[in-house]
Structure formats: C-alpha cells, structure tokens
Amino acid sequence: MTWGPDVETNLAISSSNHLKVRFIQQSRIAKQKQVTEAIKNGVVGAISGSAVVKLIGIHHQQSDILLAKLKQFVSQMKMATQK
C-alpha cells in the first residue's frame, strides 16, 4: 500500500469511527473545500499552518495587506466549518 493523503485520511477516519475518538486534521489544509471535506469525514477541526506561513512569507513586508489577507483566509476557513 502506498502512503499518501488519501490513505492517511482514510486510515484516520476508520480509526476514529472504530475507536470513537475525535481527530483534528493538521496537514494538507489550504482551501475551504478541504476543510468541508475533512469535517464531512469526521474530524472536529483543521489546522492550516503551512497556508498561513505562506501568506506571511508573501506579505511580510506589507503588514496592512498581510493582516487583510489573514483575516480573509481565516474567515473563509471558518465559513467552511459551518454545517
């Protein structure tokens, strides 16, 4: 079996369903669709660390733009958590 995002996600979902535990997905979350899909599959939250770091890297010298982009990103991700 080749490891990758789909295998890892499916294993986590199967484990959480079997063990009755809750998971937070930490990797591969950069778009609303990914948050929606993760929650649909049983996770209770998602961490978008790399996506935030990428925004900081692009806009680190323009604090006003950086803050606006971060606010927009966080708002979009939060909207994706709504059922």
C-alpha atoms as a PDB file:
ATOM      1  CA  MET A   1       0.000   0.000   0.000  1.00  0.00           C
ATOM      2  CA  THR A   2       1.386   3.427  -0.963  1.00  0.00           C
ATOM      3  CA  TRP A   3       1.087   6.091   1.718  1.00  0.00           C
ATOM      4  CA  GLY A   4      -0.332   9.446   0.753  1.00  0.00           C
ATOM      5  CA  PRO A   5      -3.056  11.899   1.698  1.00  0.00           C
ATOM      6  CA  ASP A   6      -5.972   9.646   0.776  1.00  0.00           C
ATOM      7  CA  VAL A   7      -4.618   6.551   2.533  1.00  0.00           C
ATOM      8  CA  GLU A   8      -3.665   8.523   5.636  1.00  0.00           C
ATOM      9  CA  THR A   9      -7.029  10.278   5.763  1.00  0.00           C
ATOM     10  CA  ASN A  10      -8.963   7.052   5.255  1.00  0.00           C
ATOM     11  CA  LEU A  11      -6.931   5.320   7.968  1.00  0.00           C
ATOM     12  CA  ALA A  12      -7.586   8.174  10.392  1.00  0.00           C
ATOM     13  CA  ILE A  13     -11.306   8.189   9.629  1.00  0.00           C
ATOM     14  CA  SER A  14     -11.575   4.425  10.015  1.00  0.00           C
ATOM     15  CA  SER A  15      -9.663   4.560  13.287  1.00  0.00           C
ATOM     16  CA  SER A  16     -11.782   7.388  14.686  1.00  0.00           C
ATOM     17  CA  ASN A  17     -15.013   5.601  13.775  1.00  0.00           C
ATOM     18  CA  HIS A  18     -13.802   2.350  15.308  1.00  0.00           C
ATOM     19  CA  LEU A  19     -12.261   3.819  18.462  1.00  0.00           C
ATOM     20  CA  LYS A  20     -14.891   6.550  18.961  1.00  0.00           C
ATOM     21  CA  VAL A  21     -12.255   9.281  19.202  1.00  0.00           C
ATOM     22  CA  ARG A  22     -12.156  12.737  17.660  1.00  0.00           C
ATOM     23  CA  PHE A  23      -9.430  13.951  15.298  1.00  0.00           C
ATOM     24  CA  ILE A  24      -8.065  17.296  14.188  1.00  0.00           C
ATOM     25  CA  GLN A  25      -6.514  17.263  10.729  1.00  0.00           C
ATOM     26  CA  GLN A  26      -3.207  19.064  10.673  1.00  0.00           C
ATOM     27  CA  SER A  27      -1.849  18.768   7.161  1.00  0.00           C
ATOM     28  CA  ARG A  28      -2.940  19.482   3.619  1.00  0.00           C
ATOM     29  CA  ILE A  29      -5.496  22.118   4.573  1.00  0.00           C
ATOM     30  CA  ALA A  30      -5.282  25.280   2.469  1.00  0.00           C
ATOM     31  CA  LYS A  31      -8.712  25.603   0.839  1.00  0.00           C
ATOM     32  CA  GLN A  32     -12.315  25.782   2.033  1.00  0.00           C
ATOM     33  CA  LYS A  33     -13.171  22.603   0.141  1.00  0.00           C
ATOM     34  CA  GLN A  34     -10.535  20.690   2.133  1.00  0.00           C
ATOM     35  CA  VAL A  35     -11.973  21.890   5.450  1.00  0.00           C
ATOM     36  CA  THR A  36     -15.500  20.978   4.396  1.00  0.00           C
ATOM     37  CA  GLU A  37     -14.376  17.527   3.248  1.00  0.00           C
ATOM     38  CA  ALA A  38     -12.381  16.884   6.420  1.00  0.00           C
ATOM     39  CA  ILE A  39     -15.330  17.768   8.646  1.00  0.00           C
ATOM     40  CA  LYS A  40     -17.655  15.693   6.474  1.00  0.00           C
ATOM     41  CA  ASN A  41     -15.302  12.771   7.126  1.00  0.00           C
ATOM     42  CA  GLY A  42     -15.462  13.141  10.884  1.00  0.00           C
ATOM     43  CA  VAL A  43     -12.671  15.455  12.001  1.00  0.00           C
ATOM     44  CA  VAL A  44     -13.610  18.137  14.517  1.00  0.00           C
ATOM     45  CA  GLY A  45     -11.106  20.732  13.341  1.00  0.00           C
ATOM     46  CA  ALA A  46      -8.367  21.567  10.882  1.00  0.00           C
ATOM     47  CA  ILE A  47      -5.016  23.309  11.215  1.00  0.00           C
ATOM     48  CA  SER A  48      -3.785  25.365   8.260  1.00  0.00           C
ATOM     49  CA  GLY A  49      -0.249  26.136   9.407  1.00  0.00           C
ATOM     50  CA  SER A  50       1.562  25.987   6.083  1.00  0.00           C
ATOM     51  CA  ALA A  51      -1.087  28.083   4.352  1.00  0.00           C
ATOM     52  CA  VAL A  52      -0.714  30.806   6.998  1.00  0.00           C
ATOM     53  CA  VAL A  53       3.084  30.668   6.810  1.00  0.00           C
ATOM     54  CA  LYS A  54       2.845  31.022   3.021  1.00  0.00           C
ATOM     55  CA  LEU A  55       0.735  34.190   3.373  1.00  0.00           C
ATOM     56  CA  ILE A  56       3.219  35.599   5.884  1.00  0.00           C
ATOM     57  CA  GLY A  57       6.107  34.807   3.534  1.00  0.00           C
ATOM     58  CA  ILE A  58       4.440  36.607   0.637  1.00  0.00           C
ATOM     59  CA  HIS A  59       3.257  39.704   2.535  1.00  0.00           C
ATOM     60  CA  HIS A  60       5.679  40.009   5.479  1.00  0.00           C
ATOM     61  CA  GLN A  61       6.861  43.464   4.396  1.00  0.00           C
ATOM     62  CA  GLN A  62       3.328  44.815   3.926  1.00  0.00           C
ATOM     63  CA  SER A  63       1.641  44.476   7.309  1.00  0.00           C
ATOM     64  CA  ASP A  64      -1.678  46.049   6.269  1.00  0.00           C
ATOM     65  CA  ILE A  65      -2.018  43.698   3.317  1.00  0.00           C
ATOM     66  CA  LEU A  66      -0.853  40.734   5.408  1.00  0.00           C
ATOM     67  CA  LEU A  67      -3.478  41.367   8.081  1.00  0.00           C
ATOM     68  CA  ALA A  68      -6.210  41.763   5.458  1.00  0.00           C
ATOM     69  CA  LYS A  69      -5.178  38.524   3.713  1.00  0.00           C
ATOM     70  CA  LEU A  70      -5.014  36.626   7.022  1.00  0.00           C
ATOM     71  CA  LYS A  71      -8.434  37.913   8.037  1.00  0.00           C
ATOM     72  CA  GLN A  72      -9.881  36.882   4.674  1.00  0.00           C
ATOM     73  CA  PHE A  73      -8.265  33.425   4.855  1.00  0.00           C
ATOM     74  CA  VAL A  74      -9.440  32.752   8.409  1.00  0.00           C
ATOM     75  CA  SER A  75     -12.971  33.945   7.598  1.00  0.00           C
ATOM     76  CA  GLN A  76     -13.154  31.650   4.573  1.00  0.00           C
ATOM     77  CA  MET A  77     -11.920  28.676   6.564  1.00  0.00           C
ATOM     78  CA  LYS A  78     -14.353  29.370   9.378  1.00  0.00           C
ATOM     79  CA  MET A  79     -17.245  29.561   6.893  1.00  0.00           C
ATOM     80  CA  ALA A  80     -16.226  26.122   5.634  1.00  0.00           C
ATOM     81  CA  THR A  81     -16.816  24.681   9.111  1.00  0.00           C
ATOM     82  CA  GLN A  82     -20.485  25.660   9.126  1.00  0.00           C
ATOM     83  CA  LYS A  83     -22.887  22.819   8.518  1.00  0.00           C
END
